[in-house]
Amino acid sequence: MTDSILGWMLGGWEVVIIIVAILLLFGGKKLPELARGVGKGLRIFKKEVQGVKDELDEAINVEPDDEEDDTDKKTTDKGKDKDKDKS
């Protein structure tokens, strides 16, 4: 299982044929532009994945006592709003 899936499925000639096909389809001038677009997309994707990981870590590390205090504050705030509406 040390080989990757692509390494197992694609040999040397298959990779060469794929590269030649990409060159024929996109041309030499479009490849750098295409690579820049893919690079930007990957950077954005990595940044978003890191953001989700950070949010999950924060959610896991929050102490349960803090959450209960926040819930109590929200319910008392709602009760105050209702009292204001009745006046």
C-alpha atoms as a PDB file:
ATOM      1  CA  MET A   1       0.000   0.000   0.000  1.00  0.00           C
ATOM      2  CA  THR A   2       3.002   2.318  -0.272  1.00  0.00           C
ATOM      3  CA  ASP A   3       2.120   3.181  -3.887  1.00  0.00           C
ATOM      4  CA  SER A   4      -0.399   5.903  -4.494  1.00  0.00           C
ATOM      5  CA  ILE A   5      -3.474   5.127  -6.548  1.00  0.00           C
ATOM      6  CA  LEU A   6      -2.294   7.235  -9.483  1.00  0.00           C
ATOM      7  CA  GLY A   7       1.177   5.711  -9.319  1.00  0.00           C
ATOM      8  CA  TRP A   8      -0.333   2.281  -9.533  1.00  0.00           C
ATOM      9  CA  MET A   9      -2.782   3.112 -12.302  1.00  0.00           C
ATOM     10  CA  LEU A  10      -0.610   5.294 -14.548  1.00  0.00           C
ATOM     11  CA  GLY A  11       2.682   4.286 -16.046  1.00  0.00           C
ATOM     12  CA  GLY A  12       5.311   6.498 -17.639  1.00  0.00           C
ATOM     13  CA  TRP A  13       3.845   6.461 -21.135  1.00  0.00           C
ATOM     14  CA  GLU A  14       0.341   7.189 -19.899  1.00  0.00           C
ATOM     15  CA  VAL A  15       1.561  10.304 -18.094  1.00  0.00           C
ATOM     16  CA  VAL A  16       3.424  11.469 -21.213  1.00  0.00           C
ATOM     17  CA  ILE A  17       0.309  10.971 -23.360  1.00  0.00           C
ATOM     18  CA  ILE A  18      -1.814  12.937 -20.880  1.00  0.00           C
ATOM     19  CA  ILE A  19       0.693  15.823 -20.830  1.00  0.00           C
ATOM     20  CA  VAL A  20       0.825  15.922 -24.642  1.00  0.00           C
ATOM     21  CA  ALA A  21      -2.983  15.900 -24.831  1.00  0.00           C
ATOM     22  CA  ILE A  22      -3.181  18.818 -22.359  1.00  0.00           C
ATOM     23  CA  LEU A  23      -0.607  20.761 -24.396  1.00  0.00           C
ATOM     24  CA  LEU A  24      -2.567  20.143 -27.587  1.00  0.00           C
ATOM     25  CA  LEU A  25      -5.895  21.123 -26.023  1.00  0.00           C
ATOM     26  CA  PHE A  26      -4.835  24.253 -24.175  1.00  0.00           C
ATOM     27  CA  GLY A  27      -1.686  25.354 -25.992  1.00  0.00           C
ATOM     28  CA  GLY A  28       1.510  26.718 -24.512  1.00  0.00           C
ATOM     29  CA  LYS A  29       0.147  30.228 -23.867  1.00  0.00           C
ATOM     30  CA  LYS A  30      -2.893  29.111 -21.862  1.00  0.00           C
ATOM     31  CA  LEU A  31      -1.067  26.707 -19.533  1.00  0.00           C
ATOM     32  CA  PRO A  32       0.528  29.347 -17.243  1.00  0.00           C
ATOM     33  CA  GLU A  33      -2.814  31.140 -16.988  1.00  0.00           C
ATOM     34  CA  LEU A  34      -4.547  27.856 -16.200  1.00  0.00           C
ATOM     35  CA  ALA A  35      -1.901  26.992 -13.589  1.00  0.00           C
ATOM     36  CA  ARG A  36      -2.332  30.400 -11.909  1.00  0.00           C
ATOM     37  CA  GLY A  37      -6.090  29.893 -11.730  1.00  0.00           C
ATOM     38  CA  VAL A  38      -5.698  26.435 -10.233  1.00  0.00           C
ATOM     39  CA  GLY A  39      -3.136  27.758  -7.747  1.00  0.00           C
ATOM     40  CA  LYS A  40      -5.451  30.551  -6.606  1.00  0.00           C
ATOM     41  CA  GLY A  41      -8.294  28.086  -6.250  1.00  0.00           C
ATOM     42  CA  LEU A  42      -6.172  25.750  -4.149  1.00  0.00           C
ATOM     43  CA  ARG A  43      -5.021  28.606  -1.899  1.00  0.00           C
ATOM     44  CA  ILE A  44      -8.601  29.713  -1.311  1.00  0.00           C
ATOM     45  CA  PHE A  45      -9.674  26.127  -0.652  1.00  0.00           C
ATOM     46  CA  LYS A  46      -6.852  25.576   1.858  1.00  0.00           C
ATOM     47  CA  LYS A  47      -7.698  28.849   3.636  1.00  0.00           C
ATOM     48  CA  GLU A  48     -11.362  27.846   3.933  1.00  0.00           C
ATOM     49  CA  VAL A  49     -10.476  24.362   5.176  1.00  0.00           C
ATOM     50  CA  GLN A  50      -8.202  25.905   7.815  1.00  0.00           C
ATOM     51  CA  GLY A  51     -11.004  28.255   8.841  1.00  0.00           C
ATOM     52  CA  VAL A  52     -13.396  25.349   9.304  1.00  0.00           C
ATOM     53  CA  LYS A  53     -10.786  23.462  11.323  1.00  0.00           C
ATOM     54  CA  ASP A  54     -10.245  26.508  13.538  1.00  0.00           C
ATOM     55  CA  GLU A  55     -13.998  26.879  14.119  1.00  0.00           C
ATOM     56  CA  LEU A  56     -14.306  23.200  15.021  1.00  0.00           C
ATOM     57  CA  ASP A  57     -11.344  23.443  17.409  1.00  0.00           C
ATOM     58  CA  GLU A  58     -12.916  26.489  19.080  1.00  0.00           C
ATOM     59  CA  ALA A  59     -16.260  24.712  19.381  1.00  0.00           C
ATOM     60  CA  ILE A  60     -14.627  21.657  20.920  1.00  0.00           C
ATOM     61  CA  ASN A  61     -12.532  23.702  23.367  1.00  0.00           C
ATOM     62  CA  VAL A  62     -15.450  25.797  24.673  1.00  0.00           C
ATOM     63  CA  GLU A  63     -16.275  24.873  28.246  1.00  0.00           C
ATOM     64  CA  PRO A  64     -19.880  23.760  28.899  1.00  0.00           C
ATOM     65  CA  ASP A  65     -20.244  26.274  31.776  1.00  0.00           C
ATOM     66  CA  ASP A  66     -19.637  29.151  29.354  1.00  0.00           C
ATOM     67  CA  GLU A  67     -22.381  27.914  27.029  1.00  0.00           C
ATOM     68  CA  GLU A  68     -24.909  27.677  29.884  1.00  0.00           C
ATOM     69  CA  ASP A  69     -24.130  31.238  30.984  1.00  0.00           C
ATOM     70  CA  ASP A  70     -24.663  32.520  27.442  1.00  0.00           C
ATOM     71  CA  THR A  71     -27.968  30.648  27.193  1.00  0.00           C
ATOM     72  CA  ASP A  72     -29.192  32.156  30.481  1.00  0.00           C
ATOM     73  CA  LYS A  73     -28.321  35.654  29.277  1.00  0.00           C
ATOM     74  CA  LYS A  74     -30.190  35.140  26.009  1.00  0.00           C
ATOM     75  CA  THR A  75     -33.357  33.976  27.731  1.00  0.00           C
ATOM     76  CA  THR A  76     -33.312  36.871  30.206  1.00  0.00           C
ATOM     77  CA  ASP A  77     -32.698  39.328  27.353  1.00  0.00           C
ATOM     78  CA  LYS A  78     -35.678  37.928  25.481  1.00  0.00           C
ATOM     79  CA  GLY A  79     -37.832  38.293  28.558  1.00  0.00           C
ATOM     80  CA  LYS A  80     -36.816  41.944  28.863  1.00  0.00           C
ATOM     81  CA  ASP A  81     -37.744  42.543  25.222  1.00  0.00           C
ATOM     82  CA  LYS A  82     -41.181  41.067  25.786  1.00  0.00           C
ATOM     83  CA  ASP A  83     -41.725  43.357  28.796  1.00  0.00           C
ATOM     84  CA  LYS A  84     -40.833  46.382  26.658  1.00  0.00           C
ATOM     85  CA  ASP A  85     -43.327  45.301  23.955  1.00  0.00           C
ATOM     86  CA  LYS A  86     -46.165  45.033  26.486  1.00  0.00           C
ATOM     87  CA  SER A  87     -45.702  48.655  27.662  1.00  0.00           C
END
